[in-house]
Amino acid sequence: MAKYVCNVCGYVYDEILGDEENNVKAGTKFEDIHDEWLCPLCSVGKEDFSKE
């Protein structure tokens, strides 16, 4: 499992934890998150994240 960091605000998406508040279950790989998902802190898209 990997972590991905938002290039804009520094939010870290951890595949182990997911993003339950935004309907992304724990264990969800970053590439499997629905395309409409946005950074919970600054609202940029997945294209603005980098693998940690």
PDB file of N, CA and C in Angstrom:
ATOM      1  N   MET A   1       0.851  -1.178   0.000  1.00  0.00           N
ATOM      2  CA  MET A   1       0.000   0.000   0.000  1.00  0.00           C
ATOM      3  C   MET A   1       0.895   1.239   0.000  1.00  0.00           C
ATOM      4  N   ALA A   2       0.461   2.243  -0.734  1.00  0.00           N
ATOM      5  CA  ALA A   2       1.271   3.443  -0.914  1.00  0.00           C
ATOM      6  C   ALA A   2       0.563   4.667  -0.351  1.00  0.00           C
ATOM      7  N   LYS A   3       1.296   5.773  -0.336  1.00  0.00           N
ATOM      8  CA  LYS A   3       0.745   7.067   0.052  1.00  0.00           C
ATOM      9  C   LYS A   3       0.958   8.033  -1.102  1.00  0.00           C
ATOM     10  N   TYR A   4       0.016   8.935  -1.262  1.00  0.00           N
ATOM     11  CA  TYR A   4       0.078   9.956  -2.310  1.00  0.00           C
ATOM     12  C   TYR A   4      -0.118  11.317  -1.666  1.00  0.00           C
ATOM     13  N   VAL A   5       0.695  12.285  -2.085  1.00  0.00           N
ATOM     14  CA  VAL A   5       0.685  13.615  -1.484  1.00  0.00           C
ATOM     15  C   VAL A   5       0.133  14.632  -2.471  1.00  0.00           C
ATOM     16  N   CYS A   6      -0.760  15.477  -1.985  1.00  0.00           N
ATOM     17  CA  CYS A   6      -1.290  16.570  -2.806  1.00  0.00           C
ATOM     18  C   CYS A   6      -0.178  17.583  -3.024  1.00  0.00           C
ATOM     19  N   ASN A   7       0.092  17.905  -4.287  1.00  0.00           N
ATOM     20  CA  ASN A   7       1.137  18.859  -4.627  1.00  0.00           C
ATOM     21  C   ASN A   7       0.771  20.293  -4.264  1.00  0.00           C
ATOM     22  N   VAL A   8      -0.503  20.536  -3.994  1.00  0.00           N
ATOM     23  CA  VAL A   8      -0.960  21.895  -3.694  1.00  0.00           C
ATOM     24  C   VAL A   8      -0.939  22.176  -2.187  1.00  0.00           C
ATOM     25  N   CYS A   9      -1.526  21.267  -1.383  1.00  0.00           N
ATOM     26  CA  CYS A   9      -1.682  21.563   0.047  1.00  0.00           C
ATOM     27  C   CYS A   9      -0.941  20.605   0.977  1.00  0.00           C
ATOM     28  N   GLY A  10      -0.441  19.495   0.451  1.00  0.00           N
ATOM     29  CA  GLY A  10       0.298  18.559   1.287  1.00  0.00           C
ATOM     30  C   GLY A  10      -0.525  17.449   1.922  1.00  0.00           C
ATOM     31  N   TYR A  11      -1.834  17.412   1.636  1.00  0.00           N
ATOM     32  CA  TYR A  11      -2.671  16.323   2.157  1.00  0.00           C
ATOM     33  C   TYR A  11      -2.099  14.983   1.698  1.00  0.00           C
ATOM     34  N   VAL A  12      -2.102  13.999   2.599  1.00  0.00           N
ATOM     35  CA  VAL A  12      -1.585  12.675   2.259  1.00  0.00           C
ATOM     36  C   VAL A  12      -2.740  11.687   2.194  1.00  0.00           C
ATOM     37  N   TYR A  13      -2.906  11.075   1.015  1.00  0.00           N
ATOM     38  CA  TYR A  13      -3.872   9.982   0.874  1.00  0.00           C
ATOM     39  C   TYR A  13      -3.120   8.684   1.143  1.00  0.00           C
ATOM     40  N   ASP A  14      -3.539   7.967   2.167  1.00  0.00           N
ATOM     41  CA  ASP A  14      -2.935   6.695   2.549  1.00  0.00           C
ATOM     42  C   ASP A  14      -3.875   5.580   2.105  1.00  0.00           C
ATOM     43  N   GLU A  15      -3.400   4.709   1.215  1.00  0.00           N
ATOM     44  CA  GLU A  15      -4.256   3.630   0.700  1.00  0.00           C
ATOM     45  C   GLU A  15      -4.762   2.720   1.819  1.00  0.00           C
ATOM     46  N   ILE A  16      -3.999   2.573   2.873  1.00  0.00           N
ATOM     47  CA  ILE A  16      -4.428   1.736   4.001  1.00  0.00           C
ATOM     48  C   ILE A  16      -5.666   2.334   4.666  1.00  0.00           C
ATOM     49  N   LEU A  17      -5.692   3.648   4.819  1.00  0.00           N
ATOM     50  CA  LEU A  17      -6.780   4.327   5.534  1.00  0.00           C
ATOM     51  C   LEU A  17      -7.951   4.711   4.640  1.00  0.00           C
ATOM     52  N   GLY A  18      -7.688   4.979   3.366  1.00  0.00           N
ATOM     53  CA  GLY A  18      -8.735   5.460   2.464  1.00  0.00           C
ATOM     54  C   GLY A  18      -9.165   6.869   2.834  1.00  0.00           C
ATOM     55  N   ASP A  19     -10.368   7.222   2.462  1.00  0.00           N
ATOM     56  CA  ASP A  19     -10.962   8.532   2.773  1.00  0.00           C
ATOM     57  C   ASP A  19     -12.440   8.297   3.022  1.00  0.00           C
ATOM     58  N   GLU A  20     -12.736   7.712   4.176  1.00  0.00           N
ATOM     59  CA  GLU A  20     -14.111   7.303   4.510  1.00  0.00           C
ATOM     60  C   GLU A  20     -15.109   8.457   4.427  1.00  0.00           C
ATOM     61  N   GLU A  21     -14.682   9.663   4.775  1.00  0.00           N
ATOM     62  CA  GLU A  21     -15.590  10.816   4.741  1.00  0.00           C
ATOM     63  C   GLU A  21     -16.075  11.122   3.328  1.00  0.00           C
ATOM     64  N   ASN A  22     -15.295  10.688   2.337  1.00  0.00           N
ATOM     65  CA  ASN A  22     -15.648  10.947   0.942  1.00  0.00           C
ATOM     66  C   ASN A  22     -15.892   9.655   0.167  1.00  0.00           C
ATOM     67  N   ASN A  23     -16.377   8.635   0.880  1.00  0.00           N
ATOM     68  CA  ASN A  23     -16.802   7.365   0.287  1.00  0.00           C
ATOM     69  C   ASN A  23     -15.690   6.585  -0.416  1.00  0.00           C
ATOM     70  N   VAL A  24     -14.463   6.677   0.109  1.00  0.00           N
ATOM     71  CA  VAL A  24     -13.353   5.869  -0.400  1.00  0.00           C
ATOM     72  C   VAL A  24     -12.957   4.933   0.739  1.00  0.00           C
ATOM     73  N   LYS A  25     -13.258   3.655   0.574  1.00  0.00           N
ATOM     74  CA  LYS A  25     -13.043   2.688   1.643  1.00  0.00           C
ATOM     75  C   LYS A  25     -11.566   2.440   1.910  1.00  0.00           C
ATOM     76  N   ALA A  26     -11.267   2.084   3.148  1.00  0.00           N
ATOM     77  CA  ALA A  26      -9.905   1.712   3.536  1.00  0.00           C
ATOM     78  C   ALA A  26      -9.433   0.594   2.617  1.00  0.00           C
ATOM     79  N   GLY A  27      -8.168   0.656   2.214  1.00  0.00           N
ATOM     80  CA  GLY A  27      -7.604  -0.356   1.334  1.00  0.00           C
ATOM     81  C   GLY A  27      -7.761  -0.060  -0.144  1.00  0.00           C
ATOM     82  N   THR A  28      -8.367   1.090  -0.487  1.00  0.00           N
ATOM     83  CA  THR A  28      -8.570   1.446  -1.890  1.00  0.00           C
ATOM     84  C   THR A  28      -7.286   2.020  -2.481  1.00  0.00           C
ATOM     85  N   LYS A  29      -6.796   1.393  -3.553  1.00  0.00           N
ATOM     86  CA  LYS A  29      -5.611   1.906  -4.238  1.00  0.00           C
ATOM     87  C   LYS A  29      -5.937   3.255  -4.873  1.00  0.00           C
ATOM     88  N   PHE A  30      -4.941   4.130  -4.918  1.00  0.00           N
ATOM     89  CA  PHE A  30      -5.155   5.480  -5.443  1.00  0.00           C
ATOM     90  C   PHE A  30      -5.728   5.448  -6.851  1.00  0.00           C
ATOM     91  N   GLU A  31      -5.192   4.570  -7.694  1.00  0.00           N
ATOM     92  CA  GLU A  31      -5.662   4.517  -9.082  1.00  0.00           C
ATOM     93  C   GLU A  31      -7.103   4.014  -9.198  1.00  0.00           C
ATOM     94  N   ASP A  32      -7.622   3.396  -8.125  1.00  0.00           N
ATOM     95  CA  ASP A  32      -8.987   2.884  -8.148  1.00  0.00           C
ATOM     96  C   ASP A  32     -10.019   3.861  -7.583  1.00  0.00           C
ATOM     97  N   ILE A  33      -9.554   4.993  -7.075  1.00  0.00           N
ATOM     98  CA  ILE A  33     -10.489   6.013  -6.587  1.00  0.00           C
ATOM     99  C   ILE A  33     -11.236   6.588  -7.787  1.00  0.00           C
ATOM    100  N   HIS A  34     -12.547   6.814  -7.618  1.00  0.00           N
ATOM    101  CA  HIS A  34     -13.343   7.370  -8.726  1.00  0.00           C
ATOM    102  C   HIS A  34     -12.766   8.711  -9.167  1.00  0.00           C
ATOM    103  N   ASP A  35     -12.870   8.992 -10.451  1.00  0.00           N
ATOM    104  CA  ASP A  35     -12.245  10.178 -11.049  1.00  0.00           C
ATOM    105  C   ASP A  35     -12.807  11.499 -10.527  1.00  0.00           C
ATOM    106  N   GLU A  36     -13.987  11.475  -9.936  1.00  0.00           N
ATOM    107  CA  GLU A  36     -14.598  12.698  -9.425  1.00  0.00           C
ATOM    108  C   GLU A  36     -14.064  13.073  -8.044  1.00  0.00           C
ATOM    109  N   TRP A  37     -13.273  12.174  -7.426  1.00  0.00           N
ATOM    110  CA  TRP A  37     -12.737  12.430  -6.087  1.00  0.00           C
ATOM    111  C   TRP A  37     -11.832  13.647  -6.120  1.00  0.00           C
ATOM    112  N   LEU A  38     -11.938  14.483  -5.080  1.00  0.00           N
ATOM    113  CA  LEU A  38     -11.105  15.677  -4.953  1.00  0.00           C
ATOM    114  C   LEU A  38     -10.390  15.657  -3.616  1.00  0.00           C
ATOM    115  N   CYS A  39      -9.261  16.334  -3.552  1.00  0.00           N
ATOM    116  CA  CYS A  39      -8.523  16.465  -2.300  1.00  0.00           C
ATOM    117  C   CYS A  39      -9.474  17.010  -1.233  1.00  0.00           C
ATOM    118  N   PRO A  40      -9.568  16.345  -0.085  1.00  0.00           N
ATOM    119  CA  PRO A  40     -10.484  16.806   0.961  1.00  0.00           C
ATOM    120  C   PRO A  40     -10.134  18.179   1.534  1.00  0.00           C
ATOM    121  N   LEU A  41      -8.900  18.620   1.365  1.00  0.00           N
ATOM    122  CA  LEU A  41      -8.501  19.900   1.949  1.00  0.00           C
ATOM    123  C   LEU A  41      -8.569  21.066   0.966  1.00  0.00           C
ATOM    124  N   CYS A  42      -8.150  20.843  -0.287  1.00  0.00           N
ATOM    125  CA  CYS A  42      -8.078  21.984  -1.213  1.00  0.00           C
ATOM    126  C   CYS A  42      -8.853  21.785  -2.515  1.00  0.00           C
ATOM    127  N   SER A  43      -9.478  20.622  -2.673  1.00  0.00           N
ATOM    128  CA  SER A  43     -10.390  20.350  -3.791  1.00  0.00           C
ATOM    129  C   SER A  43      -9.748  20.248  -5.172  1.00  0.00           C
ATOM    130  N   VAL A  44      -8.445  19.922  -5.247  1.00  0.00           N
ATOM    131  CA  VAL A  44      -7.852  19.647  -6.555  1.00  0.00           C
ATOM    132  C   VAL A  44      -8.074  18.172  -6.892  1.00  0.00           C
ATOM    133  N   GLY A  45      -7.916  17.834  -8.170  1.00  0.00           N
ATOM    134  CA  GLY A  45      -8.147  16.469  -8.628  1.00  0.00           C
ATOM    135  C   GLY A  45      -6.951  15.553  -8.418  1.00  0.00           C
ATOM    136  N   LYS A  46      -7.147  14.287  -8.745  1.00  0.00           N
ATOM    137  CA  LYS A  46      -6.114  13.267  -8.567  1.00  0.00           C
ATOM    138  C   LYS A  46      -4.847  13.574  -9.351  1.00  0.00           C
ATOM    139  N   GLU A  47      -4.965  14.304 -10.438  1.00  0.00           N
ATOM    140  CA  GLU A  47      -3.791  14.603 -11.264  1.00  0.00           C
ATOM    141  C   GLU A  47      -2.789  15.500 -10.535  1.00  0.00           C
ATOM    142  N   ASP A  48      -3.216  16.114  -9.439  1.00  0.00           N
ATOM    143  CA  ASP A  48      -2.324  16.979  -8.673  1.00  0.00           C
ATOM    144  C   ASP A  48      -1.698  16.280  -7.466  1.00  0.00           C
ATOM    145  N   PHE A  49      -1.668  14.941  -7.499  1.00  0.00           N
ATOM    146  CA  PHE A  49      -1.049  14.153  -6.447  1.00  0.00           C
ATOM    147  C   PHE A  49       0.190  13.448  -6.979  1.00  0.00           C
ATOM    148  N   SER A  50       1.150  13.254  -6.087  1.00  0.00           N
ATOM    149  CA  SER A  50       2.376  12.521  -6.425  1.00  0.00           C
ATOM    150  C   SER A  50       2.570  11.381  -5.429  1.00  0.00           C
ATOM    151  N   LYS A  51       3.088  10.265  -5.917  1.00  0.00           N
ATOM    152  CA  LYS A  51       3.359   9.142  -5.030  1.00  0.00           C
ATOM    153  C   LYS A  51       4.470   9.519  -4.070  1.00  0.00           C
ATOM    154  N   GLU A  52       4.267   9.211  -2.789  1.00  0.00           N
ATOM    155  CA  GLU A  52       5.261   9.555  -1.769  1.00  0.00           C
ATOM    156  C   GLU A  52       6.411   8.569  -1.774  1.00  0.00           C
TER     157      GLU A  52
END
